[in-house]
Amino acid sequence: MEDHTQSLIDRASSLVDAARTAGADAADAVVARSSAKSVSVRLGKVEGTDASESDNFSLRVFVGNRVASISANRIDDSTALAERAVAMARVSPEDRFNTLAPEDRLARKLPDLDLFDETDVAADRLTRDALDMEDAARSVEGVSNSSGANASAGSGGMVLVTSHGFSGSYRRSGFSRSVSVIAGSGTEMERDYDYSSKLFFRDLRSPEEIGREAGERTVRRLGPRKVPTQTVTAVYDPRVARGVLGHLSSAINGASVARKTSFLRDMMDRQVANSTVTVVDEPLKIRGQASRPFDGEGVSAKTLKMVDEGMLRHWFLSTSIAAELGLETNGRGARNGTTVSASSTNLVLEPGDASPEDMMKSIGTGFYVTEVFGQGVNMVTGEYSRGASGFWIEDGEIAFPVSEVTIASNLRDMFLRMVPANDLDRDYATAAPTLMIEGMTLAGQ
């Protein structure tokens, strides 16, 4: 495998050299590596098996202030590909912001972040895990049908070579198990799921545990009631709290700020969230789901407090986005095929002091949100309106399931009111604990 990596580095280097020979002032080449296999089952039978493996090459060239990118699944002729890219660049519009990363920001030492597990999981093991998950879920009393189970194993990686001296690579493994089942019948059916996703195979939760949790989650949703329209305190389960953090991440992405499509675009160094809220982005976390020793441009990055006790301190920035804003990259460049954007890495909303149980006791009556759906989030204005289901809270305790309601507010107000609980699970690329948010409008019957 290491020999293959060196071969890819050599081929990326040949692309960069060919681009310079063809007339490019600067260039970089990326190889995105991926391999995956998965097995899906339903009702005790295998429904599908899939396997794939690929190395995708991308070349980006700069001619003055003009830039062009080209990609290919295989490289038979580096010279021809480079000449075509340079020809495209010469007729492209000028872009004074799009450049290679500053040379002094390039990563010179690449830390070992322990991202790759050599375990080769055979297809029959994936099949057995998927079947065991589904069996465990279907054995829960009240479960009536299955939407299926899936087990997968794979790996990905990146090779990056630039014309100003950077050369690096890394690999990341990934293993997952998931199952979704149905309880009830006819118009009274409910569906839920559970899953586990890890970098290392041995860290996955057992198929039996995942299946049992999926079944129990589903059965708990049976017999939902409607509640009247009112203003409530919402308590977001961590599964949906991670989505709320995702909205914050989008709002502080430098690309949205530069294009004036973020409602927080004028809020740098101002309060954007409750003082109990601190959001940290950690690219060099050992075994982190989104860790990377360098970003999509070869830049070394460090941990940043994006929001510090409610105060906004940073945007997510790549080189070009930073230049557009008159700033410098902070190593959040993300390569996506032939383009470079900005993104978070291991993003965490730090926990608070109270347990979810104590939070519910403190509010007495409220809505515990376990699922949201619909596209009712406007990142330009912050308007938020989502279909939701979950459980009603009475006397500080979960009372009964609720469905067919809408919860609404404005993200600006939600961030200022949200309070984190102490139940953070950090093992997600976007990790958040239970969140309590006052003043939500619930539209019911």
Protein backbone atom coordinates (compact mmCIF):
# COMPACT_ATOMS: atom_id res chain seq x y z
CA MET A 1 0.00 0.00 0.00
CA GLU A 2 2.82 2.41 0.83
CA ASP A 3 4.39 1.64 -2.57
CA HIS A 4 1.08 2.56 -4.18
CA THR A 5 1.06 5.86 -2.26
CA GLN A 6 4.54 6.72 -3.49
CA SER A 7 3.45 5.85 -7.02
CA LEU A 8 0.54 8.29 -6.73
CA ILE A 9 2.84 11.00 -5.38
CA ASP A 10 5.18 10.44 -8.33
CA ARG A 11 2.30 10.67 -10.81
CA ALA A 12 0.96 13.85 -9.16
CA SER A 13 4.47 15.33 -9.32
CA SER A 14 4.69 14.50 -13.01
CA LEU A 15 1.41 16.35 -13.61
CA VAL A 16 2.72 19.46 -11.84
CA ASP A 17 6.01 19.32 -13.76
CA ALA A 18 4.11 18.92 -17.03
CA ALA A 19 1.94 21.93 -16.21
CA ARG A 20 4.98 24.13 -15.57
CA THR A 21 6.54 22.93 -18.82
CA ALA A 22 3.29 23.75 -20.65
CA GLY A 23 3.43 27.35 -19.43
CA ALA A 24 1.69 27.42 -16.04
CA ASP A 25 3.10 29.86 -13.51
CA ALA A 26 1.99 27.56 -10.69
CA ALA A 27 0.07 24.32 -10.29
CA ASP A 28 -1.06 21.67 -7.88
CA ALA A 29 -2.24 18.11 -8.35
CA VAL A 30 -4.50 16.04 -6.14
CA VAL A 31 -5.24 12.34 -6.09
CA ALA A 32 -8.37 11.38 -4.18
CA ARG A 33 -8.24 7.71 -3.23
CA SER A 34 -11.23 5.63 -2.23
CA SER A 35 -12.26 2.03 -1.76
CA ALA A 36 -15.44 0.68 -0.26
CA LYS A 37 -17.51 -2.45 0.16
CA SER A 38 -20.92 -2.85 1.73
CA VAL A 39 -23.69 -5.36 2.26
CA SER A 40 -27.36 -4.47 2.70
CA VAL A 41 -30.02 -6.86 3.95
CA ARG A 42 -33.75 -6.74 4.52
CA LEU A 43 -36.03 -9.22 6.25
CA GLY A 44 -33.24 -11.71 6.69
CA LYS A 45 -32.09 -11.73 3.07
CA VAL A 46 -29.17 -10.07 1.33
CA GLU A 47 -30.47 -7.31 -0.93
CA GLY A 48 -27.20 -6.01 -2.31
CA THR A 49 -23.43 -6.15 -2.17
CA ASP A 50 -21.26 -3.36 -3.53
CA ALA A 51 -17.54 -2.82 -3.96
CA SER A 52 -15.59 -0.01 -5.56
CA GLU A 53 -12.07 1.31 -5.78
CA SER A 54 -10.72 4.40 -7.53
CA ASP A 55 -7.94 6.97 -7.76
CA ASN A 56 -9.21 10.30 -9.15
CA PHE A 57 -6.68 12.84 -10.40
CA SER A 58 -7.21 16.61 -10.45
CA LEU A 59 -4.82 19.23 -11.83
CA ARG A 60 -5.18 22.95 -11.09
CA VAL A 61 -3.06 25.42 -13.07
CA PHE A 62 -2.47 29.15 -12.76
CA VAL A 63 -1.49 31.42 -15.65
CA GLY A 64 -1.19 34.93 -14.28
CA ASN A 65 -4.48 35.66 -12.54
CA ARG A 66 -6.28 33.02 -14.54
CA VAL A 67 -6.97 29.52 -13.26
CA ALA A 68 -8.38 26.30 -14.64
CA SER A 69 -8.84 22.77 -13.31
CA ILE A 70 -9.21 19.43 -15.00
CA SER A 71 -9.80 15.94 -13.65
CA ALA A 72 -9.40 12.36 -14.87
CA ASN A 73 -9.91 8.85 -13.53
CA ARG A 74 -6.58 7.74 -14.95
CA ILE A 75 -3.47 9.43 -16.32
CA ASP A 76 -2.10 8.02 -19.55
CA ASP A 77 -0.47 11.20 -20.83
CA SER A 78 0.54 13.85 -18.28
CA THR A 79 1.73 16.22 -20.98
CA ALA A 80 -1.54 16.22 -22.92
CA LEU A 81 -3.63 16.72 -19.78
CA ALA A 82 -1.41 19.57 -18.58
CA GLU A 83 -1.43 21.31 -21.96
CA ARG A 84 -5.22 21.15 -22.06
CA ALA A 85 -5.48 22.63 -18.55
CA VAL A 86 -3.10 25.49 -19.41
CA ALA A 87 -5.02 26.21 -22.61
CA MET A 88 -8.24 26.39 -20.57
CA ALA A 89 -6.64 28.75 -18.06
CA ARG A 90 -5.49 31.18 -20.77
CA VAL A 91 -9.07 31.78 -21.88
CA SER A 92 -10.59 31.82 -18.38
CA PRO A 93 -11.66 35.07 -16.68
CA GLU A 94 -9.19 36.62 -14.26
CA ASP A 95 -9.52 35.71 -10.59
CA ARG A 96 -7.11 37.66 -8.42
CA PHE A 97 -8.12 35.79 -5.26
CA ASN A 98 -7.49 32.25 -6.48
CA THR A 99 -3.87 31.28 -5.83
CA LEU A 100 -1.79 28.57 -4.22
CA ALA A 101 -1.55 28.79 -0.46
CA PRO A 102 1.24 31.02 0.91
CA GLU A 103 4.46 29.05 1.02
CA ASP A 104 5.15 29.96 4.65
CA ARG A 105 1.83 28.41 5.69
CA LEU A 106 2.52 24.98 4.20
CA ALA A 107 2.74 22.00 6.52
CA ARG A 108 6.36 20.89 6.84
CA LYS A 109 5.90 18.13 9.41
CA LEU A 110 2.92 15.84 8.99
CA PRO A 111 1.74 14.40 12.31
CA ASP A 112 0.55 10.81 12.59
CA LEU A 113 -3.10 11.20 13.59
CA ASP A 114 -3.80 7.44 13.72
CA LEU A 115 -6.54 7.57 11.08
CA PHE A 116 -6.05 4.24 9.33
CA ASP A 117 -7.04 0.74 10.42
CA GLU A 118 -5.52 -2.06 8.33
CA THR A 119 -8.35 -4.46 9.23
CA ASP A 120 -9.73 -6.15 6.12
CA VAL A 121 -13.36 -7.02 6.83
CA ALA A 122 -14.57 -9.83 4.60
CA ALA A 123 -17.93 -9.63 2.84
CA ASP A 124 -19.29 -12.56 4.86
CA ARG A 125 -18.53 -10.69 8.09
CA LEU A 126 -20.35 -7.62 6.80
CA THR A 127 -23.28 -9.84 5.88
CA ARG A 128 -23.36 -11.47 9.30
CA ASP A 129 -23.20 -8.09 11.07
CA ALA A 130 -26.06 -6.70 8.99
CA LEU A 131 -28.22 -9.75 9.60
CA ASP A 132 -27.48 -9.73 13.34
CA MET A 133 -28.42 -6.04 13.55
CA GLU A 134 -31.71 -6.57 11.81
CA ASP A 135 -32.49 -9.67 13.89
CA ALA A 136 -31.84 -7.74 17.12
CA ALA A 137 -34.07 -4.88 15.99
CA ARG A 138 -36.89 -7.13 14.82
CA SER A 139 -36.80 -9.08 18.10
CA VAL A 140 -37.93 -5.97 20.02
CA GLU A 141 -41.60 -6.37 20.90
CA GLY A 142 -43.71 -4.04 18.78
CA VAL A 143 -41.41 -3.95 15.74
CA SER A 144 -43.43 -5.05 12.74
CA ASN A 145 -41.23 -4.58 9.70
CA SER A 146 -37.76 -3.62 8.56
CA SER A 147 -36.39 -0.95 6.24
CA GLY A 148 -33.11 -2.85 6.13
CA ALA A 149 -29.65 -2.97 7.64
CA ASN A 150 -26.26 -2.15 6.18
CA ALA A 151 -22.64 -2.86 7.11
CA SER A 152 -19.73 -1.29 5.27
CA ALA A 153 -15.97 -0.92 5.31
CA GLY A 154 -13.76 1.33 3.27
CA SER A 155 -10.94 3.81 3.12
CA GLY A 156 -10.09 7.10 1.52
CA GLY A 157 -7.15 9.34 1.28
CA MET A 158 -5.49 12.25 -0.39
CA VAL A 159 -2.23 12.95 -2.19
CA LEU A 160 -1.31 16.58 -2.80
CA VAL A 161 1.69 17.96 -4.68
CA THR A 162 2.22 21.66 -5.41
CA SER A 163 4.66 23.54 -7.60
CA HIS A 164 5.99 25.52 -4.64
CA GLY A 165 7.32 22.59 -2.72
CA PHE A 166 4.56 20.76 -0.87
CA SER A 167 4.17 17.00 -1.14
CA GLY A 168 2.06 15.00 1.27
CA SER A 169 -0.49 12.25 1.68
CA TYR A 170 -2.72 10.61 4.26
CA ARG A 171 -5.17 7.71 4.47
CA ARG A 172 -8.36 7.32 6.48
CA SER A 173 -10.36 4.16 7.11
CA GLY A 174 -14.05 3.99 7.87
CA PHE A 175 -16.46 1.32 9.12
CA SER A 176 -20.18 1.60 9.73
CA ARG A 177 -23.28 -0.33 10.77
CA SER A 178 -26.86 0.92 10.50
CA VAL A 179 -30.40 -0.42 10.71
CA SER A 180 -33.88 1.06 10.35
CA VAL A 181 -37.12 -0.64 11.38
CA ILE A 182 -40.86 -0.01 11.54
CA ALA A 183 -43.33 -0.44 14.39
CA GLY A 184 -47.10 -0.53 14.16
CA SER A 185 -49.24 -1.01 11.06
CA GLY A 186 -51.39 0.86 8.57
CA THR A 187 -51.63 4.58 9.32
CA GLU A 188 -50.15 4.00 12.77
CA MET A 189 -46.66 3.03 11.59
CA GLU A 190 -43.52 4.68 12.98
CA ARG A 191 -39.95 4.39 11.80
CA ASP A 192 -36.58 4.98 13.50
CA TYR A 193 -32.97 3.90 13.23
CA ASP A 194 -29.59 3.59 14.90
CA TYR A 195 -26.04 3.42 13.59
CA SER A 196 -22.38 3.38 14.50
CA SER A 197 -19.56 4.85 12.43
CA LYS A 198 -15.87 4.62 13.41
CA LEU A 199 -12.40 4.89 11.95
CA PHE A 200 -11.35 1.62 13.59
CA PHE A 201 -13.37 -1.56 13.19
CA ARG A 202 -12.98 -2.69 16.77
CA ASP A 203 -14.49 0.58 18.03
CA LEU A 204 -17.88 -0.04 16.41
CA ARG A 205 -20.81 -0.74 18.69
CA SER A 206 -21.98 -4.33 18.44
CA PRO A 207 -24.66 -5.26 15.90
CA GLU A 208 -26.88 -6.48 18.73
CA GLU A 209 -26.66 -3.16 20.61
CA ILE A 210 -27.35 -1.10 17.49
CA GLY A 211 -30.30 -3.28 16.51
CA ARG A 212 -31.82 -3.29 19.98
CA GLU A 213 -31.53 0.51 20.26
CA ALA A 214 -33.11 1.00 16.82
CA GLY A 215 -36.03 -1.24 17.77
CA GLU A 216 -36.60 0.41 21.13
CA ARG A 217 -36.40 3.91 19.63
CA THR A 218 -39.01 2.94 17.06
CA VAL A 219 -41.46 1.38 19.51
CA ARG A 220 -41.24 4.42 21.81
CA ARG A 221 -42.66 6.52 18.98
CA LEU A 222 -45.93 4.53 18.74
CA GLY A 223 -49.19 6.30 19.54
CA PRO A 224 -48.08 9.91 18.97
CA ARG A 225 -50.39 12.73 19.94
CA LYS A 226 -50.89 16.21 18.61
CA VAL A 227 -50.41 19.24 20.82
CA PRO A 228 -51.85 22.74 20.47
CA THR A 229 -49.96 25.64 18.93
CA GLN A 230 -47.92 27.44 21.58
CA THR A 231 -44.53 28.86 22.54
CA VAL A 232 -42.33 26.19 24.11
CA THR A 233 -38.89 25.42 25.38
CA ALA A 234 -37.42 22.83 23.04
CA VAL A 235 -34.86 20.27 24.17
CA TYR A 236 -32.92 18.94 21.18
CA ASP A 237 -31.69 15.35 21.35
CA PRO A 238 -27.98 15.15 20.36
CA ARG A 239 -28.90 13.59 17.02
CA VAL A 240 -30.73 16.78 16.01
CA ALA A 241 -28.54 19.13 18.08
CA ARG A 242 -25.70 18.24 15.71
CA GLY A 243 -27.84 19.70 12.93
CA VAL A 244 -28.23 22.96 14.85
CA LEU A 245 -24.45 23.15 15.17
CA GLY A 246 -24.26 22.44 11.44
CA HIS A 247 -26.36 25.56 10.79
CA LEU A 248 -23.93 27.60 12.89
CA SER A 249 -21.03 26.11 10.95
CA SER A 250 -22.62 27.15 7.67
CA ALA A 251 -23.27 30.66 8.96
CA ILE A 252 -19.59 31.21 9.85
CA ASN A 253 -18.19 29.76 6.64
CA GLY A 254 -16.08 32.42 4.96
CA ALA A 255 -17.58 31.62 1.55
CA SER A 256 -21.06 32.56 2.83
CA VAL A 257 -19.67 35.72 4.37
CA ALA A 258 -17.89 36.75 1.16
CA ARG A 259 -21.04 36.16 -0.87
CA LYS A 260 -23.21 37.90 1.73
CA THR A 261 -25.41 34.84 2.15
CA SER A 262 -24.93 34.47 5.92
CA PHE A 263 -27.06 36.22 8.51
CA LEU A 264 -23.92 36.42 10.71
CA ARG A 265 -21.75 38.14 8.07
CA ASP A 266 -21.41 41.35 10.11
CA MET A 267 -20.95 39.71 13.50
CA MET A 268 -17.19 39.08 13.85
CA ASP A 269 -16.03 39.70 17.43
CA ARG A 270 -19.61 40.18 18.53
CA GLN A 271 -21.92 37.97 20.56
CA VAL A 272 -23.68 35.41 18.35
CA ALA A 273 -24.59 32.79 20.97
CA ASN A 274 -25.36 32.34 24.63
CA SER A 275 -22.32 32.90 26.87
CA THR A 276 -22.45 29.18 27.79
CA VAL A 277 -21.66 28.27 24.16
CA THR A 278 -18.08 27.58 23.05
CA VAL A 279 -17.47 25.96 19.67
CA VAL A 280 -14.06 24.46 18.92
CA ASP A 281 -12.66 23.17 15.62
CA GLU A 282 -9.82 20.66 16.01
CA PRO A 283 -8.14 19.44 12.78
CA LEU A 284 -5.32 17.48 14.45
CA LYS A 285 -7.39 15.37 16.84
CA ILE A 286 -6.03 11.83 17.17
CA ARG A 287 -8.49 9.41 15.52
CA GLY A 288 -10.86 12.28 14.79
CA GLN A 289 -13.58 11.56 12.25
CA ALA A 290 -12.59 14.65 10.22
CA SER A 291 -8.92 14.97 11.21
CA ARG A 292 -6.29 15.74 8.59
CA PRO A 293 -2.56 16.50 8.84
CA PHE A 294 -2.93 19.25 6.22
CA ASP A 295 -5.84 20.90 4.48
CA GLY A 296 -6.82 20.72 0.82
CA GLU A 297 -4.12 23.23 -0.07
CA GLY A 298 -1.30 21.77 2.03
CA VAL A 299 -1.72 24.27 4.86
CA SER A 300 -0.97 23.32 8.44
CA ALA A 301 -3.91 24.11 10.72
CA LYS A 302 -4.35 24.47 14.45
CA THR A 303 -7.24 24.21 16.87
CA LEU A 304 -9.47 27.29 16.86
CA LYS A 305 -12.22 28.48 19.18
CA MET A 306 -14.65 29.54 16.50
CA VAL A 307 -17.09 30.81 19.13
CA ASP A 308 -15.68 31.60 22.56
CA GLU A 309 -18.27 31.98 25.33
CA GLY A 310 -20.76 33.23 22.77
CA MET A 311 -18.38 35.56 20.93
CA LEU A 312 -17.62 34.90 17.26
CA ARG A 313 -13.83 34.77 16.73
CA HIS A 314 -13.15 33.11 13.35
CA TRP A 315 -14.53 32.25 9.93
CA PHE A 316 -13.68 28.99 8.19
CA LEU A 317 -11.17 30.13 5.55
CA SER A 318 -9.34 28.73 2.57
CA THR A 319 -6.69 30.77 0.74
CA SER A 320 -8.99 32.26 -1.91
CA ILE A 321 -11.88 32.94 0.46
CA ALA A 322 -9.52 34.58 2.95
CA ALA A 323 -8.05 36.79 0.21
CA GLU A 324 -11.54 37.88 -0.81
CA LEU A 325 -12.19 38.96 2.78
CA GLY A 326 -8.80 40.62 3.21
CA LEU A 327 -7.67 37.91 5.65
CA GLU A 328 -5.30 34.94 5.73
CA THR A 329 -6.21 31.27 5.47
CA ASN A 330 -6.63 29.37 8.73
CA GLY A 331 -6.12 25.96 7.12
CA ARG A 332 -9.77 25.08 6.54
CA GLY A 333 -9.45 24.60 2.78
CA ALA A 334 -11.35 21.51 1.62
CA ARG A 335 -10.68 19.87 -1.72
CA ASN A 336 -13.77 18.77 -3.62
CA GLY A 337 -12.75 17.45 -6.99
CA THR A 338 -11.28 20.38 -8.90
CA THR A 339 -12.44 23.07 -6.46
CA VAL A 340 -11.28 24.31 -3.06
CA SER A 341 -13.87 25.47 -0.56
CA ALA A 342 -13.77 26.06 3.20
CA SER A 343 -15.11 23.71 5.85
CA SER A 344 -14.89 22.67 9.46
CA THR A 345 -12.92 19.65 10.64
CA ASN A 346 -13.76 18.10 14.04
CA LEU A 347 -16.30 20.68 15.18
CA VAL A 348 -17.47 20.47 18.79
CA LEU A 349 -19.99 22.46 20.79
CA GLU A 350 -18.53 22.12 24.27
CA PRO A 351 -20.76 20.67 27.02
CA GLY A 352 -22.43 22.58 29.81
CA ASP A 353 -22.99 21.63 33.44
CA ALA A 354 -26.56 20.30 33.64
CA SER A 355 -27.68 16.83 32.63
CA PRO A 356 -30.53 16.50 30.10
CA GLU A 357 -32.71 15.14 32.91
CA ASP A 358 -32.06 18.19 35.07
CA MET A 359 -32.77 20.45 32.11
CA MET A 360 -36.17 18.84 31.58
CA LYS A 361 -36.96 19.12 35.28
CA SER A 362 -36.07 22.80 35.21
CA ILE A 363 -38.52 23.62 32.41
CA GLY A 364 -41.41 21.46 33.62
CA THR A 365 -43.25 21.47 30.30
CA GLY A 366 -41.65 21.43 26.85
CA PHE A 367 -40.92 19.54 23.67
CA TYR A 368 -38.09 16.97 23.40
CA VAL A 369 -37.12 16.98 19.70
CA THR A 370 -35.80 13.72 18.28
CA GLU A 371 -36.28 14.34 14.55
CA VAL A 372 -36.60 17.33 12.22
CA PHE A 373 -37.32 17.31 8.51
CA GLY A 374 -38.00 19.68 5.64
CA GLN A 375 -35.84 22.41 4.13
CA GLY A 376 -37.16 25.40 6.05
CA VAL A 377 -33.86 27.04 6.97
CA ASN A 378 -32.89 30.33 5.30
CA MET A 379 -29.19 31.05 5.90
CA VAL A 380 -29.51 34.59 4.51
CA THR A 381 -32.12 35.68 7.06
CA GLY A 382 -31.75 32.98 9.70
CA GLU A 383 -35.43 32.04 9.50
CA TYR A 384 -35.93 28.50 10.82
CA SER A 385 -39.03 26.34 10.36
CA ARG A 386 -38.83 22.54 10.43
CA GLY A 387 -41.28 19.71 10.66
CA ALA A 388 -40.58 17.83 13.88
CA SER A 389 -41.41 14.86 16.03
CA GLY A 390 -40.36 13.81 19.49
CA PHE A 391 -41.83 13.63 22.97
CA TRP A 392 -43.83 15.94 25.18
CA ILE A 393 -42.31 16.87 28.53
CA GLU A 394 -44.67 17.19 31.50
CA ASP A 395 -43.64 17.76 35.10
CA GLY A 396 -40.03 17.48 33.95
CA GLU A 397 -40.44 13.98 32.53
CA ILE A 398 -40.98 12.43 29.11
CA ALA A 399 -44.75 11.95 28.89
CA PHE A 400 -45.85 10.85 25.40
CA PRO A 401 -44.72 10.88 21.77
CA VAL A 402 -45.56 13.85 19.53
CA SER A 403 -45.67 14.08 15.75
CA GLU A 404 -46.98 16.28 12.92
CA VAL A 405 -45.83 19.56 14.42
CA THR A 406 -43.62 22.38 13.19
CA ILE A 407 -41.06 24.24 15.27
CA ALA A 408 -39.98 27.70 14.21
CA SER A 409 -37.83 30.64 15.26
CA ASN A 410 -34.83 32.54 13.91
CA LEU A 411 -31.37 30.98 14.18
CA ARG A 412 -30.00 34.26 15.48
CA ASP A 413 -32.38 34.04 18.45
CA MET A 414 -31.92 30.29 18.83
CA PHE A 415 -28.13 30.60 19.15
CA LEU A 416 -28.50 33.36 21.75
CA ARG A 417 -30.90 31.26 23.81
CA MET A 418 -29.44 27.76 23.50
CA VAL A 419 -27.85 26.12 26.53
CA PRO A 420 -25.77 22.92 26.20
CA ALA A 421 -26.15 19.92 28.50
CA ASN A 422 -23.28 17.77 29.79
CA ASP A 423 -23.84 14.67 27.62
CA LEU A 424 -21.44 15.40 24.76
CA ASP A 425 -20.21 12.47 22.65
CA ARG A 426 -17.13 13.82 20.89
CA ASP A 427 -16.84 10.98 18.42
CA TYR A 428 -18.53 12.75 15.52
CA ALA A 429 -17.18 15.13 12.90
CA THR A 430 -19.84 17.57 14.14
CA ALA A 431 -20.49 16.90 17.81
CA ALA A 432 -23.03 18.55 20.11
CA PRO A 433 -24.69 17.64 23.40
CA THR A 434 -28.38 17.95 24.17
CA LEU A 435 -29.43 21.58 23.65
CA MET A 436 -32.18 23.51 25.44
CA ILE A 437 -33.64 26.44 23.48
CA GLU A 438 -36.34 28.70 24.91
CA GLY A 439 -38.92 30.63 22.95
CA MET A 440 -39.58 28.24 20.06
CA THR A 441 -42.91 28.50 18.27
CA LEU A 442 -44.62 25.12 18.02
CA ALA A 443 -47.38 24.89 15.42
CA GLY A 444 -49.65 21.98 16.25
CA GLN A 445 -53.39 21.40 16.06
